[in-house]
Amino acid sequence: MAKKSRRAKRRAKKTRSKPAVRPKRPASAPSPTVAKETRALTEEKAAELAEEYRYVFSDLKRIAVLAGAMFAALIILSFVIR
């Protein structure tokens, strides 16, 4: 592949746009569009997580049942052994 010329590098530098500076808004008053976008993103993330980890709740229930059964077995065995 050929080496880029200096002219091409200069053109690339000229076409790059500088980031626009936005005026700062008070933190206590977010705009309605920002609030809507934030709410939409939060709901979207929650939906993704719910879909991605739907099996976790069933696993947690199974673990809780097993832990409860083992705890009950320990209590019963402590009375039997005495």
C-alpha atoms as a PDB file:
ATOM      1  CA  MET A   1       0.000   0.000   0.000  1.00  0.00           C
ATOM      2  CA  ALA A   2       1.366   3.397  -0.922  1.00  0.00           C
ATOM      3  CA  LYS A   3       2.364   5.939   1.683  1.00  0.00           C
ATOM      4  CA  LYS A   4      -0.017   8.853   2.131  1.00  0.00           C
ATOM      5  CA  SER A   5       1.190  12.123   0.753  1.00  0.00           C
ATOM      6  CA  ARG A   6       1.512  15.262   2.846  1.00  0.00           C
ATOM      7  CA  ARG A   7      -1.204  16.897   0.782  1.00  0.00           C
ATOM      8  CA  ALA A   8      -3.674  14.142   1.676  1.00  0.00           C
ATOM      9  CA  LYS A   9      -2.760  14.433   5.347  1.00  0.00           C
ATOM     10  CA  ARG A  10      -3.370  18.207   5.258  1.00  0.00           C
ATOM     11  CA  ARG A  11      -6.753  17.707   3.604  1.00  0.00           C
ATOM     12  CA  ALA A  12      -7.718  15.172   6.234  1.00  0.00           C
ATOM     13  CA  LYS A  13      -6.775  17.610   9.002  1.00  0.00           C
ATOM     14  CA  LYS A  14      -8.833  20.397   7.404  1.00  0.00           C
ATOM     15  CA  THR A  15     -11.943  18.240   7.017  1.00  0.00           C
ATOM     16  CA  ARG A  16     -11.942  17.153  10.645  1.00  0.00           C
ATOM     17  CA  SER A  17     -14.460  19.158  12.547  1.00  0.00           C
ATOM     18  CA  LYS A  18     -13.799  20.462  16.004  1.00  0.00           C
ATOM     19  CA  PRO A  19     -16.291  19.494  18.710  1.00  0.00           C
ATOM     20  CA  ALA A  20     -18.941  22.111  19.255  1.00  0.00           C
ATOM     21  CA  VAL A  21     -19.039  23.762  22.651  1.00  0.00           C
ATOM     22  CA  ARG A  22     -22.493  23.611  24.135  1.00  0.00           C
ATOM     23  CA  PRO A  23     -23.683  26.165  26.636  1.00  0.00           C
ATOM     24  CA  LYS A  24     -23.939  24.709  30.111  1.00  0.00           C
ATOM     25  CA  ARG A  25     -27.374  24.241  31.624  1.00  0.00           C
ATOM     26  CA  PRO A  26     -28.106  24.202  35.295  1.00  0.00           C
ATOM     27  CA  ALA A  27     -27.914  20.659  36.666  1.00  0.00           C
ATOM     28  CA  SER A  28     -31.225  20.990  38.481  1.00  0.00           C
ATOM     29  CA  ALA A  29     -33.271  21.579  35.326  1.00  0.00           C
ATOM     30  CA  PRO A  30     -32.655  18.930  32.633  1.00  0.00           C
ATOM     31  CA  SER A  31     -34.443  19.499  29.378  1.00  0.00           C
ATOM     32  CA  PRO A  32     -37.541  17.378  28.662  1.00  0.00           C
ATOM     33  CA  THR A  33     -35.907  15.716  25.673  1.00  0.00           C
ATOM     34  CA  VAL A  34     -32.919  14.644  27.764  1.00  0.00           C
ATOM     35  CA  ALA A  35     -35.242  13.223  30.415  1.00  0.00           C
ATOM     36  CA  LYS A  36     -37.198  11.292  27.771  1.00  0.00           C
ATOM     37  CA  GLU A  37     -34.021   9.939  26.184  1.00  0.00           C
ATOM     38  CA  THR A  38     -32.640   8.918  29.556  1.00  0.00           C
ATOM     39  CA  ARG A  39     -35.902   7.190  30.481  1.00  0.00           C
ATOM     40  CA  ALA A  40     -36.005   5.403  27.120  1.00  0.00           C
ATOM     41  CA  LEU A  41     -32.409   4.222  27.484  1.00  0.00           C
ATOM     42  CA  THR A  42     -33.063   3.017  31.028  1.00  0.00           C
ATOM     43  CA  GLU A  43     -36.138   1.061  29.938  1.00  0.00           C
ATOM     44  CA  GLU A  44     -34.222  -0.362  26.972  1.00  0.00           C
ATOM     45  CA  LYS A  45     -31.341  -1.494  29.190  1.00  0.00           C
ATOM     46  CA  ALA A  46     -33.751  -3.039  31.684  1.00  0.00           C
ATOM     47  CA  ALA A  47     -35.487  -4.938  28.897  1.00  0.00           C
ATOM     48  CA  GLU A  48     -32.147  -6.193  27.589  1.00  0.00           C
ATOM     49  CA  LEU A  49     -31.030  -7.300  31.040  1.00  0.00           C
ATOM     50  CA  ALA A  50     -34.336  -9.010  31.744  1.00  0.00           C
ATOM     51  CA  GLU A  51     -34.061 -10.952  28.507  1.00  0.00           C
ATOM     52  CA  GLU A  52     -30.402 -11.756  28.996  1.00  0.00           C
ATOM     53  CA  TYR A  53     -30.718 -12.932  32.605  1.00  0.00           C
ATOM     54  CA  ARG A  54     -34.197 -14.474  32.617  1.00  0.00           C
ATOM     55  CA  TYR A  55     -32.792 -17.787  33.839  1.00  0.00           C
ATOM     56  CA  VAL A  56     -31.110 -16.214  36.871  1.00  0.00           C
ATOM     57  CA  PHE A  57     -34.334 -15.884  38.878  1.00  0.00           C
ATOM     58  CA  SER A  58     -35.163 -19.558  38.467  1.00  0.00           C
ATOM     59  CA  ASP A  59     -31.626 -20.475  39.534  1.00  0.00           C
ATOM     60  CA  LEU A  60     -31.879 -18.232  42.588  1.00  0.00           C
ATOM     61  CA  LYS A  61     -35.188 -19.829  43.578  1.00  0.00           C
ATOM     62  CA  ARG A  62     -33.649 -23.283  43.238  1.00  0.00           C
ATOM     63  CA  ILE A  63     -30.660 -22.259  45.370  1.00  0.00           C
ATOM     64  CA  ALA A  64     -32.961 -20.767  48.030  1.00  0.00           C
ATOM     65  CA  VAL A  65     -35.027 -23.979  48.202  1.00  0.00           C
ATOM     66  CA  LEU A  66     -31.900 -26.128  48.510  1.00  0.00           C
ATOM     67  CA  ALA A  67     -30.422 -23.842  51.182  1.00  0.00           C
ATOM     68  CA  GLY A  68     -33.681 -23.922  53.137  1.00  0.00           C
ATOM     69  CA  ALA A  69     -33.869 -27.707  52.911  1.00  0.00           C
ATOM     70  CA  MET A  70     -30.280 -28.107  54.083  1.00  0.00           C
ATOM     71  CA  PHE A  71     -30.794 -25.662  56.924  1.00  0.00           C
ATOM     72  CA  ALA A  72     -33.911 -27.563  58.012  1.00  0.00           C
ATOM     73  CA  ALA A  73     -31.972 -30.842  57.819  1.00  0.00           C
ATOM     74  CA  LEU A  74     -29.248 -29.386  60.044  1.00  0.00           C
ATOM     75  CA  ILE A  75     -31.789 -28.271  62.624  1.00  0.00           C
ATOM     76  CA  ILE A  76     -33.509 -31.675  62.629  1.00  0.00           C
ATOM     77  CA  LEU A  77     -30.157 -33.475  62.902  1.00  0.00           C
ATOM     78  CA  SER A  78     -29.107 -31.264  65.822  1.00  0.00           C
ATOM     79  CA  PHE A  79     -32.200 -32.440  67.767  1.00  0.00           C
ATOM     80  CA  VAL A  80     -31.699 -36.093  66.780  1.00  0.00           C
ATOM     81  CA  ILE A  81     -28.020 -36.196  67.729  1.00  0.00           C
ATOM     82  CA  ARG A  82     -28.565 -34.759  71.233  1.00  0.00           C
END
